[in-house]
Amino acid sequence: MRDPMKSALLAGIVALGFVGAASAADLAVRTPVYAPVFTWTGCYLGINGGWIGSDESYETSYGLLPPANLAGLPLTQADFDPLRRSFSSDESGGTAGGQFGCQLQWGAVVLGGEWDWNWSGLEEDDNALFGVTPIVSDPTPPWPARTEHHHKQLDWFMTARARLGWAAWDRLLIYATGGVAVGAYDAFTNVRFFDDLGNSLTHTGGYREKRIGYTVGGGFEWAFANNWTAKAEFLYLDFGSFDFNSPRERFDTDTFTFAWHTHVDTSEYVARVGLNYLFHLGDPPVVARY
């Protein structure tokens, strides 16, 4: 006669064996699903806009244009020095443009290059009024009262930069950037002297050139879709310094040509945001998901 307890225990063991075998069979037939992952590798095209500011320093002075000298004139260089002036300007404006770039990703490192062209609304004006200024060697005929107007604007700028980024959070890229910059400057100086009779003598001169400098900066970019990214970045632009003369109006009795000399040191700052469309190159990497 069978023991009922032993029979129940044997039946339970057999049932567990069937369940384990069924589970093993299920595991054996499950196959991984390979899903593509996001990559920064590719080329992109986009637009940008933001703010541009400046930190300019000026130095102006008055004197004779070379090769004239002071021989024969009752003046020395010290007589001109009281008219020398230094000042700074920190105006700002808007900027907008477009960019194109390509990049490759190795692990979390992203290396690429970018070119951009941008309109600039940066424009600066300095106006000043000065009273009579004594002449060192002879205070009897002082320099008459004068007005000064200095103008400088950056019409446009473009950069060609390398970008080195770190994509540790997959779709968030933090990067540093730097390279060559080109800027189109337009500047002029206008100075007018006024005597006691209301007569005026005007000095006018200008500068209009494209200057080559450098730029450095950084930012971050977020891929909010497989082909769309948004960025925010800051750039420092340095185009060095430039000089120009503003000769005075000449009279028939003039022997020498007097001129106002303007020296400008340029520094610009750009803070902007942008939107890019990313064209992926090749097949994206995949990851197995079960």
C-alpha atoms as a PDB file:
ATOM      1  CA  MET A   1       0.000   0.000   0.000  1.00  0.00           C
ATOM      2  CA  ARG A   2       1.431   3.341  -1.087  1.00  0.00           C
ATOM      3  CA  ASP A   3       2.213   6.053   1.389  1.00  0.00           C
ATOM      4  CA  PRO A   4       0.002   9.106   0.444  1.00  0.00           C
ATOM      5  CA  MET A   5       2.629  11.566   1.693  1.00  0.00           C
ATOM      6  CA  LYS A   6       5.380  10.077  -0.451  1.00  0.00           C
ATOM      7  CA  SER A   7       3.086  10.095  -3.491  1.00  0.00           C
ATOM      8  CA  ALA A   8       2.269  13.818  -3.034  1.00  0.00           C
ATOM      9  CA  LEU A   9       5.947  14.699  -2.596  1.00  0.00           C
ATOM     10  CA  LEU A  10       6.899  12.808  -5.763  1.00  0.00           C
ATOM     11  CA  ALA A  11       4.150  14.527  -7.737  1.00  0.00           C
ATOM     12  CA  GLY A  12       5.364  17.951  -6.570  1.00  0.00           C
ATOM     13  CA  ILE A  13       8.946  17.238  -7.620  1.00  0.00           C
ATOM     14  CA  VAL A  14       7.789  16.143 -11.069  1.00  0.00           C
ATOM     15  CA  ALA A  15       5.672  19.291 -11.444  1.00  0.00           C
ATOM     16  CA  LEU A  16       8.588  21.530 -10.534  1.00  0.00           C
ATOM     17  CA  GLY A  17      10.733  19.718 -13.072  1.00  0.00           C
ATOM     18  CA  PHE A  18       8.219  20.423 -15.829  1.00  0.00           C
ATOM     19  CA  VAL A  19       8.010  24.133 -14.843  1.00  0.00           C
ATOM     20  CA  GLY A  20      11.823  24.484 -14.854  1.00  0.00           C
ATOM     21  CA  ALA A  21      12.071  22.779 -18.225  1.00  0.00           C
ATOM     22  CA  ALA A  22       9.410  25.086 -19.657  1.00  0.00           C
ATOM     23  CA  SER A  23      11.189  28.167 -18.303  1.00  0.00           C
ATOM     24  CA  ALA A  24      14.505  26.976 -19.738  1.00  0.00           C
ATOM     25  CA  ALA A  25      12.812  26.438 -23.064  1.00  0.00           C
ATOM     26  CA  ASP A  26      11.443  29.982 -22.955  1.00  0.00           C
ATOM     27  CA  LEU A  27      14.911  31.396 -22.198  1.00  0.00           C
ATOM     28  CA  ALA A  28      16.442  29.437 -25.014  1.00  0.00           C
ATOM     29  CA  VAL A  29      14.078  30.835 -27.631  1.00  0.00           C
ATOM     30  CA  ARG A  30      14.237  34.557 -26.549  1.00  0.00           C
ATOM     31  CA  THR A  31      16.351  36.593 -29.003  1.00  0.00           C
ATOM     32  CA  PRO A  32      17.902  40.046 -28.410  1.00  0.00           C
ATOM     33  CA  VAL A  33      16.532  43.151 -30.118  1.00  0.00           C
ATOM     34  CA  TYR A  34      19.252  45.396 -31.558  1.00  0.00           C
ATOM     35  CA  ALA A  35      18.332  49.070 -31.245  1.00  0.00           C
ATOM     36  CA  PRO A  36      20.355  51.979 -32.715  1.00  0.00           C
ATOM     37  CA  VAL A  37      21.919  54.439 -30.255  1.00  0.00           C
ATOM     38  CA  PHE A  38      22.493  58.167 -30.769  1.00  0.00           C
ATOM     39  CA  THR A  39      25.838  59.307 -32.200  1.00  0.00           C
ATOM     40  CA  TRP A  40      27.296  62.776 -32.793  1.00  0.00           C
ATOM     41  CA  THR A  41      29.152  61.570 -35.887  1.00  0.00           C
ATOM     42  CA  GLY A  42      28.009  63.461 -38.976  1.00  0.00           C
ATOM     43  CA  CYS A  43      27.731  66.907 -40.551  1.00  0.00           C
ATOM     44  CA  TYR A  44      25.324  69.627 -39.532  1.00  0.00           C
ATOM     45  CA  LEU A  45      23.831  72.859 -40.813  1.00  0.00           C
ATOM     46  CA  GLY A  46      22.180  75.467 -38.619  1.00  0.00           C
ATOM     47  CA  ILE A  47      21.375  79.022 -37.587  1.00  0.00           C
ATOM     48  CA  ASN A  48      22.322  81.126 -34.564  1.00  0.00           C
ATOM     49  CA  GLY A  49      21.513  84.415 -32.888  1.00  0.00           C
ATOM     50  CA  GLY A  50      22.390  86.323 -29.758  1.00  0.00           C
ATOM     51  CA  TRP A  51      24.378  89.228 -28.296  1.00  0.00           C
ATOM     52  CA  ILE A  52      27.755  90.776 -29.134  1.00  0.00           C
ATOM     53  CA  GLY A  53      29.581  93.211 -26.881  1.00  0.00           C
ATOM     54  CA  SER A  54      32.908  95.032 -26.973  1.00  0.00           C
ATOM     55  CA  ASP A  55      35.626  96.215 -24.632  1.00  0.00           C
ATOM     56  CA  GLU A  56      37.524  98.713 -26.785  1.00  0.00           C
ATOM     57  CA  SER A  57      40.337 101.056 -25.773  1.00  0.00           C
ATOM     58  CA  TYR A  58      41.141 104.215 -27.745  1.00  0.00           C
ATOM     59  CA  GLU A  59      44.082 106.573 -27.820  1.00  0.00           C
ATOM     60  CA  THR A  60      43.981 109.798 -29.835  1.00  0.00           C
ATOM     61  CA  SER A  61      46.733 112.348 -30.388  1.00  0.00           C
ATOM     62  CA  TYR A  62      47.448 115.427 -32.468  1.00  0.00           C
ATOM     63  CA  GLY A  63      50.547 116.213 -34.477  1.00  0.00           C
ATOM     64  CA  LEU A  64      52.209 116.567 -37.845  1.00  0.00           C
ATOM     65  CA  LEU A  65      52.000 113.966 -40.567  1.00  0.00           C
ATOM     66  CA  PRO A  66      55.377 112.472 -41.578  1.00  0.00           C
ATOM     67  CA  PRO A  67      57.749 113.434 -43.088  1.00  0.00           C
ATOM     68  CA  ALA A  68      57.053 116.928 -41.723  1.00  0.00           C
ATOM     69  CA  ASN A  69      59.044 118.067 -38.696  1.00  0.00           C
ATOM     70  CA  LEU A  70      58.710 120.885 -36.249  1.00  0.00           C
ATOM     71  CA  ALA A  71      61.665 122.889 -37.591  1.00  0.00           C
ATOM     72  CA  GLY A  72      60.614 126.432 -38.273  1.00  0.00           C
ATOM     73  CA  LEU A  73      57.478 126.205 -36.141  1.00  0.00           C
ATOM     74  CA  PRO A  74      57.172 127.670 -32.641  1.00  0.00           C
ATOM     75  CA  LEU A  75      55.967 124.272 -31.446  1.00  0.00           C
ATOM     76  CA  THR A  76      57.513 121.214 -29.859  1.00  0.00           C
ATOM     77  CA  GLN A  77      56.076 117.722 -29.369  1.00  0.00           C
ATOM     78  CA  ALA A  78      55.259 118.656 -25.778  1.00  0.00           C
ATOM     79  CA  ASP A  79      52.835 121.276 -27.106  1.00  0.00           C
ATOM     80  CA  PHE A  80      50.725 118.504 -28.659  1.00  0.00           C
ATOM     81  CA  ASP A  81      50.731 116.196 -25.630  1.00  0.00           C
ATOM     82  CA  PRO A  82      47.943 118.060 -23.723  1.00  0.00           C
ATOM     83  CA  LEU A  83      45.615 117.092 -26.571  1.00  0.00           C
ATOM     84  CA  ARG A  84      46.371 113.388 -26.158  1.00  0.00           C
ATOM     85  CA  ARG A  85      43.397 111.404 -24.900  1.00  0.00           C
ATOM     86  CA  SER A  86      42.711 107.797 -23.836  1.00  0.00           C
ATOM     87  CA  PHE A  87      39.286 106.316 -23.223  1.00  0.00           C
ATOM     88  CA  SER A  88      37.367 103.041 -23.445  1.00  0.00           C
ATOM     89  CA  SER A  89      33.998 101.938 -24.802  1.00  0.00           C
ATOM     90  CA  ASP A  90      31.772  98.967 -23.976  1.00  0.00           C
ATOM     91  CA  GLU A  91      28.828  99.064 -26.375  1.00  0.00           C
ATOM     92  CA  SER A  92      26.768  96.006 -27.398  1.00  0.00           C
ATOM     93  CA  GLY A  93      24.346  94.884 -30.097  1.00  0.00           C
ATOM     94  CA  GLY A  94      22.675  91.893 -31.705  1.00  0.00           C
ATOM     95  CA  THR A  95      24.126  89.228 -33.968  1.00  0.00           C
ATOM     96  CA  ALA A  96      22.667  86.507 -36.206  1.00  0.00           C
ATOM     97  CA  GLY A  97      24.117  84.036 -38.682  1.00  0.00           C
ATOM     98  CA  GLY A  98      24.530  80.462 -39.797  1.00  0.00           C
ATOM     99  CA  GLN A  99      27.009  77.623 -39.315  1.00  0.00           C
ATOM    100  CA  PHE A 100      28.181  74.408 -40.936  1.00  0.00           C
ATOM    101  CA  GLY A 101      30.341  71.678 -39.421  1.00  0.00           C
ATOM    102  CA  CYS A 102      31.362  68.032 -39.346  1.00  0.00           C
ATOM    103  CA  GLN A 103      32.471  65.817 -36.456  1.00  0.00           C
ATOM    104  CA  LEU A 104      33.401  62.276 -35.426  1.00  0.00           C
ATOM    105  CA  GLN A 105      32.706  60.489 -32.145  1.00  0.00           C
ATOM    106  CA  TRP A 106      35.038  57.979 -30.444  1.00  0.00           C
ATOM    107  CA  GLY A 107      33.459  56.727 -27.250  1.00  0.00           C
ATOM    108  CA  ALA A 108      32.585  59.871 -25.312  1.00  0.00           C
ATOM    109  CA  VAL A 109      35.028  62.100 -27.250  1.00  0.00           C
ATOM    110  CA  VAL A 110      33.738  64.203 -30.165  1.00  0.00           C
ATOM    111  CA  LEU A 111      36.181  66.029 -32.451  1.00  0.00           C
ATOM    112  CA  GLY A 112      35.142  68.270 -35.335  1.00  0.00           C
ATOM    113  CA  GLY A 113      35.346  71.594 -37.094  1.00  0.00           C
ATOM    114  CA  GLU A 114      32.871  74.419 -37.656  1.00  0.00           C
ATOM    115  CA  TRP A 115      32.623  77.459 -39.952  1.00  0.00           C
ATOM    116  CA  ASP A 116      30.164  80.307 -39.372  1.00  0.00           C
ATOM    117  CA  TRP A 117      29.274  83.716 -40.849  1.00  0.00           C
ATOM    118  CA  ASN A 118      27.447  86.318 -38.793  1.00  0.00           C
ATOM    119  CA  TRP A 119      25.903  89.752 -39.191  1.00  0.00           C
ATOM    120  CA  SER A 120      26.853  92.130 -36.372  1.00  0.00           C
ATOM    121  CA  GLY A 121      24.900  95.065 -34.986  1.00  0.00           C
ATOM    122  CA  LEU A 122      27.826  96.270 -32.862  1.00  0.00           C
ATOM    123  CA  GLU A 123      28.173 100.056 -33.244  1.00  0.00           C
ATOM    124  CA  GLU A 124      29.979 102.531 -30.982  1.00  0.00           C
ATOM    125  CA  ASP A 125      30.048 106.338 -30.844  1.00  0.00           C
ATOM    126  CA  ASP A 126      31.987 108.606 -28.511  1.00  0.00           C
ATOM    127  CA  ASN A 127      31.332 112.358 -28.407  1.00  0.00           C
ATOM    128  CA  ALA A 128      33.292 114.858 -26.329  1.00  0.00           C
ATOM    129  CA  LEU A 129      33.610 118.642 -25.969  1.00  0.00           C
ATOM    130  CA  PHE A 130      36.794 120.316 -24.709  1.00  0.00           C
ATOM    131  CA  GLY A 131      37.630 123.913 -23.847  1.00  0.00           C
ATOM    132  CA  VAL A 132      40.778 125.836 -24.737  1.00  0.00           C
ATOM    133  CA  THR A 133      44.088 124.071 -24.050  1.00  0.00           C
ATOM    134  CA  PRO A 134      47.322 125.994 -23.346  1.00  0.00           C
ATOM    135  CA  ILE A 135      50.354 125.547 -25.571  1.00  0.00           C
ATOM    136  CA  VAL A 136      53.357 124.546 -23.463  1.00  0.00           C
ATOM    137  CA  SER A 137      55.971 126.661 -25.201  1.00  0.00           C
ATOM    138  CA  ASP A 138      53.717 129.705 -25.580  1.00  0.00           C
ATOM    139  CA  PRO A 139      50.507 129.881 -23.553  1.00  0.00           C
ATOM    140  CA  THR A 140      49.428 133.068 -25.291  1.00  0.00           C
ATOM    141  CA  PRO A 141      47.844 131.381 -28.349  1.00  0.00           C
ATOM    142  CA  PRO A 142      46.193 128.285 -26.778  1.00  0.00           C
ATOM    143  CA  TRP A 143      44.655 125.441 -28.714  1.00  0.00           C
ATOM    144  CA  PRO A 144      41.039 126.498 -29.337  1.00  0.00           C
ATOM    145  CA  ALA A 145      38.003 124.639 -28.047  1.00  0.00           C
ATOM    146  CA  ARG A 146      37.168 121.462 -29.930  1.00  0.00           C
ATOM    147  CA  THR A 147      34.635 118.681 -30.367  1.00  0.00           C
ATOM    148  CA  GLU A 148      35.577 115.041 -30.970  1.00  0.00           C
ATOM    149  CA  HIS A 149      33.439 112.349 -32.526  1.00  0.00           C
ATOM    150  CA  HIS A 150      34.769 108.774 -32.781  1.00  0.00           C
ATOM    151  CA  HIS A 151      32.787 106.005 -34.452  1.00  0.00           C
ATOM    152  CA  LYS A 152      33.474 102.298 -34.841  1.00  0.00           C
ATOM    153  CA  GLN A 153      31.307  99.418 -36.023  1.00  0.00           C
ATOM    154  CA  LEU A 154      31.753  95.739 -36.794  1.00  0.00           C
ATOM    155  CA  ASP A 155      29.663  94.973 -39.891  1.00  0.00           C
ATOM    156  CA  TRP A 156      30.121  91.187 -39.878  1.00  0.00           C
ATOM    157  CA  PHE A 157      32.450  88.458 -38.649  1.00  0.00           C
ATOM    158  CA  MET A 158      33.148  84.835 -39.462  1.00  0.00           C
ATOM    159  CA  THR A 159      35.111  82.081 -37.735  1.00  0.00           C
ATOM    160  CA  ALA A 160      36.710  78.757 -38.666  1.00  0.00           C
ATOM    161  CA  ARG A 161      37.125  76.728 -35.482  1.00  0.00           C
ATOM    162  CA  ALA A 162      38.015  73.288 -34.145  1.00  0.00           C
ATOM    163  CA  ARG A 163      35.651  71.763 -31.565  1.00  0.00           C
ATOM    164  CA  LEU A 164      36.609  69.198 -28.916  1.00  0.00           C
ATOM    165  CA  GLY A 165      33.696  67.798 -26.952  1.00  0.00           C
ATOM    166  CA  TRP A 166      32.782  65.277 -24.265  1.00  0.00           C
ATOM    167  CA  ALA A 167      29.495  63.379 -24.612  1.00  0.00           C
ATOM    168  CA  ALA A 168      29.459  61.596 -21.278  1.00  0.00           C
ATOM    169  CA  TRP A 169      25.662  61.950 -21.036  1.00  0.00           C
ATOM    170  CA  ASP A 170      25.019  60.552 -24.512  1.00  0.00           C
ATOM    171  CA  ARG A 171      22.864  63.371 -25.935  1.00  0.00           C
ATOM    172  CA  LEU A 172      24.507  66.256 -24.016  1.00  0.00           C
ATOM    173  CA  LEU A 173      27.793  67.495 -25.478  1.00  0.00           C
ATOM    174  CA  ILE A 174      30.097  69.880 -23.605  1.00  0.00           C
ATOM    175  CA  TYR A 175      32.806  71.381 -25.823  1.00  0.00           C
ATOM    176  CA  ALA A 176      35.684  73.826 -26.110  1.00  0.00           C
ATOM    177  CA  THR A 177      36.392  75.612 -29.374  1.00  0.00           C
ATOM    178  CA  GLY A 178      38.981  77.903 -30.956  1.00  0.00           C
ATOM    179  CA  GLY A 179      40.381  79.032 -34.288  1.00  0.00           C
ATOM    180  CA  VAL A 180      40.663  81.888 -36.777  1.00  0.00           C
ATOM    181  CA  ALA A 181      38.300  84.875 -36.970  1.00  0.00           C
ATOM    182  CA  VAL A 182      37.765  87.542 -39.639  1.00  0.00           C
ATOM    183  CA  GLY A 183      35.958  90.818 -38.944  1.00  0.00           C
ATOM    184  CA  ALA A 184      34.913  93.748 -41.184  1.00  0.00           C
ATOM    185  CA  TYR A 185      35.501  97.051 -39.364  1.00  0.00           C
ATOM    186  CA  ASP A 186      34.360 100.559 -40.269  1.00  0.00           C
ATOM    187  CA  ALA A 187      35.641 103.501 -38.200  1.00  0.00           C
ATOM    188  CA  PHE A 188      36.129 107.255 -38.504  1.00  0.00           C
ATOM    189  CA  THR A 189      37.242 110.242 -36.418  1.00  0.00           C
ATOM    190  CA  ASN A 190      35.932 113.801 -36.789  1.00  0.00           C
ATOM    191  CA  VAL A 191      37.499 116.654 -34.777  1.00  0.00           C
ATOM    192  CA  ARG A 192      36.547 120.338 -35.099  1.00  0.00           C
ATOM    193  CA  PHE A 193      38.408 123.287 -33.561  1.00  0.00           C
ATOM    194  CA  PHE A 194      36.505 126.549 -32.898  1.00  0.00           C
ATOM    195  CA  ASP A 195      38.108 129.952 -32.414  1.00  0.00           C
ATOM    196  CA  ASP A 196      36.652 133.012 -30.672  1.00  0.00           C
ATOM    197  CA  LEU A 197      35.153 134.276 -33.934  1.00  0.00           C
ATOM    198  CA  GLY A 198      33.197 131.081 -34.518  1.00  0.00           C
ATOM    199  CA  ASN A 199      35.456 129.820 -37.281  1.00  0.00           C
ATOM    200  CA  SER A 200      36.076 126.077 -37.361  1.00  0.00           C
ATOM    201  CA  LEU A 201      38.814 123.802 -38.607  1.00  0.00           C
ATOM    202  CA  THR A 202      37.899 120.170 -39.277  1.00  0.00           C
ATOM    203  CA  HIS A 203      39.917 116.948 -39.173  1.00  0.00           C
ATOM    204  CA  THR A 204      38.304 113.887 -40.747  1.00  0.00           C
ATOM    205  CA  GLY A 205      39.671 110.430 -41.474  1.00  0.00           C
ATOM    206  CA  GLY A 206      38.471 106.852 -41.533  1.00  0.00           C
ATOM    207  CA  TYR A 207      39.329 103.180 -41.596  1.00  0.00           C
ATOM    208  CA  ARG A 208      37.496 100.395 -43.426  1.00  0.00           C
ATOM    209  CA  GLU A 209      39.246  97.022 -43.536  1.00  0.00           C
ATOM    210  CA  LYS A 210      38.795  93.309 -42.905  1.00  0.00           C
ATOM    211  CA  ARG A 211      40.948  92.136 -40.023  1.00  0.00           C
ATOM    212  CA  ILE A 212      42.163  88.626 -39.172  1.00  0.00           C
ATOM    213  CA  GLY A 213      42.346  87.543 -35.538  1.00  0.00           C
ATOM    214  CA  TYR A 214      41.585  84.593 -33.312  1.00  0.00           C
ATOM    215  CA  THR A 215      38.684  83.282 -31.260  1.00  0.00           C
ATOM    216  CA  VAL A 216      38.318  80.927 -28.277  1.00  0.00           C
ATOM    217  CA  GLY A 217      35.274  79.810 -26.350  1.00  0.00           C
ATOM    218  CA  GLY A 218      33.040  76.952 -25.363  1.00  0.00           C
ATOM    219  CA  GLY A 219      29.485  75.789 -24.888  1.00  0.00           C
ATOM    220  CA  PHE A 220      27.122  72.850 -24.696  1.00  0.00           C
ATOM    221  CA  GLU A 221      24.813  71.174 -27.198  1.00  0.00           C
ATOM    222  CA  TRP A 222      21.774  68.976 -26.573  1.00  0.00           C
ATOM    223  CA  ALA A 223      20.329  66.485 -29.053  1.00  0.00           C
ATOM    224  CA  PHE A 224      16.598  66.683 -28.378  1.00  0.00           C
ATOM    225  CA  ALA A 225      15.835  64.464 -31.404  1.00  0.00           C
ATOM    226  CA  ASN A 226      17.821  62.053 -33.561  1.00  0.00           C
ATOM    227  CA  ASN A 227      18.617  64.768 -36.114  1.00  0.00           C
ATOM    228  CA  TRP A 228      18.003  68.021 -34.224  1.00  0.00           C
ATOM    229  CA  THR A 229      20.299  69.699 -31.702  1.00  0.00           C
ATOM    230  CA  ALA A 230      20.201  72.984 -29.782  1.00  0.00           C
ATOM    231  CA  LYS A 231      23.300  74.773 -28.508  1.00  0.00           C
ATOM    232  CA  ALA A 232      24.409  77.700 -26.347  1.00  0.00           C
ATOM    233  CA  GLU A 233      27.955  79.056 -26.577  1.00  0.00           C
ATOM    234  CA  PHE A 234      30.281  81.911 -25.691  1.00  0.00           C
ATOM    235  CA  LEU A 235      33.106  83.234 -27.914  1.00  0.00           C
ATOM    236  CA  TYR A 236      35.889  85.744 -27.335  1.00  0.00           C
ATOM    237  CA  LEU A 237      37.115  87.516 -30.496  1.00  0.00           C
ATOM    238  CA  ASP A 238      40.414  89.388 -30.712  1.00  0.00           C
ATOM    239  CA  PHE A 239      41.285  91.308 -33.888  1.00  0.00           C
ATOM    240  CA  GLY A 240      44.318  93.156 -32.538  1.00  0.00           C
ATOM    241  CA  SER A 241      44.609  96.921 -33.052  1.00  0.00           C
ATOM    242  CA  PHE A 242      44.505  99.379 -35.935  1.00  0.00           C
ATOM    243  CA  ASP A 243      45.499 103.006 -36.563  1.00  0.00           C
ATOM    244  CA  PHE A 244      44.430 105.753 -38.916  1.00  0.00           C
ATOM    245  CA  ASN A 245      44.956 109.493 -39.405  1.00  0.00           C
ATOM    246  CA  SER A 246      42.447 112.307 -39.793  1.00  0.00           C
ATOM    247  CA  PRO A 247      44.150 115.172 -41.702  1.00  0.00           C
ATOM    248  CA  ARG A 248      42.911 118.720 -41.310  1.00  0.00           C
ATOM    249  CA  GLU A 249      41.508 120.931 -44.018  1.00  0.00           C
ATOM    250  CA  ARG A 250      44.312 122.806 -45.741  1.00  0.00           C
ATOM    251  CA  PHE A 251      44.657 126.466 -46.486  1.00  0.00           C
ATOM    252  CA  ASP A 252      46.746 128.059 -49.222  1.00  0.00           C
ATOM    253  CA  THR A 253      49.231 129.302 -46.639  1.00  0.00           C
ATOM    254  CA  ASP A 254      49.716 125.870 -44.995  1.00  0.00           C
ATOM    255  CA  THR A 255      53.236 124.510 -45.076  1.00  0.00           C
ATOM    256  CA  PHE A 256      52.624 121.522 -42.832  1.00  0.00           C
ATOM    257  CA  THR A 257      49.795 118.973 -42.645  1.00  0.00           C
ATOM    258  CA  PHE A 258      48.378 118.508 -39.171  1.00  0.00           C
ATOM    259  CA  ALA A 259      46.463 115.316 -38.393  1.00  0.00           C
ATOM    260  CA  TRP A 260      44.547 113.652 -35.635  1.00  0.00           C
ATOM    261  CA  HIS A 261      45.828 110.107 -34.991  1.00  0.00           C
ATOM    262  CA  THR A 262      43.467 107.384 -33.722  1.00  0.00           C
ATOM    263  CA  HIS A 263      44.598 104.037 -32.237  1.00  0.00           C
ATOM    264  CA  VAL A 264      41.994 101.345 -31.425  1.00  0.00           C
ATOM    265  CA  ASP A 265      42.451  98.043 -29.559  1.00  0.00           C
ATOM    266  CA  THR A 266      39.622  95.625 -30.358  1.00  0.00           C
ATOM    267  CA  SER A 267      38.050  92.918 -28.168  1.00  0.00           C
ATOM    268  CA  GLU A 268      34.604  91.442 -28.814  1.00  0.00           C
ATOM    269  CA  TYR A 269      32.434  88.975 -26.872  1.00  0.00           C
ATOM    270  CA  VAL A 270      29.637  86.827 -28.292  1.00  0.00           C
ATOM    271  CA  ALA A 271      26.934  84.964 -26.350  1.00  0.00           C
ATOM    272  CA  ARG A 272      24.458  83.134 -28.565  1.00  0.00           C
ATOM    273  CA  VAL A 273      22.171  80.149 -29.042  1.00  0.00           C
ATOM    274  CA  GLY A 274      21.739  78.023 -32.129  1.00  0.00           C
ATOM    275  CA  LEU A 275      19.778  75.231 -33.802  1.00  0.00           C
ATOM    276  CA  ASN A 276      21.398  72.508 -35.949  1.00  0.00           C
ATOM    277  CA  TYR A 277      20.140  69.733 -38.210  1.00  0.00           C
ATOM    278  CA  LEU A 278      22.532  66.769 -37.952  1.00  0.00           C
ATOM    279  CA  PHE A 279      23.118  64.534 -40.979  1.00  0.00           C
ATOM    280  CA  HIS A 280      24.375  61.205 -39.584  1.00  0.00           C
ATOM    281  CA  LEU A 281      27.164  59.518 -41.569  1.00  0.00           C
ATOM    282  CA  GLY A 282      27.033  55.740 -42.023  1.00  0.00           C
ATOM    283  CA  ASP A 283      25.013  53.278 -39.969  1.00  0.00           C
ATOM    284  CA  PRO A 284      24.536  54.222 -36.304  1.00  0.00           C
ATOM    285  CA  PRO A 285      25.947  51.900 -33.653  1.00  0.00           C
ATOM    286  CA  VAL A 286      23.491  49.449 -32.089  1.00  0.00           C
ATOM    287  CA  VAL A 287      22.989  47.964 -28.636  1.00  0.00           C
ATOM    288  CA  ALA A 288      21.299  44.675 -27.785  1.00  0.00           C
ATOM    289  CA  ARG A 289      18.112  44.918 -25.721  1.00  0.00           C
ATOM    290  CA  TYR A 290      16.290  41.829 -24.339  1.00  0.00           C
END
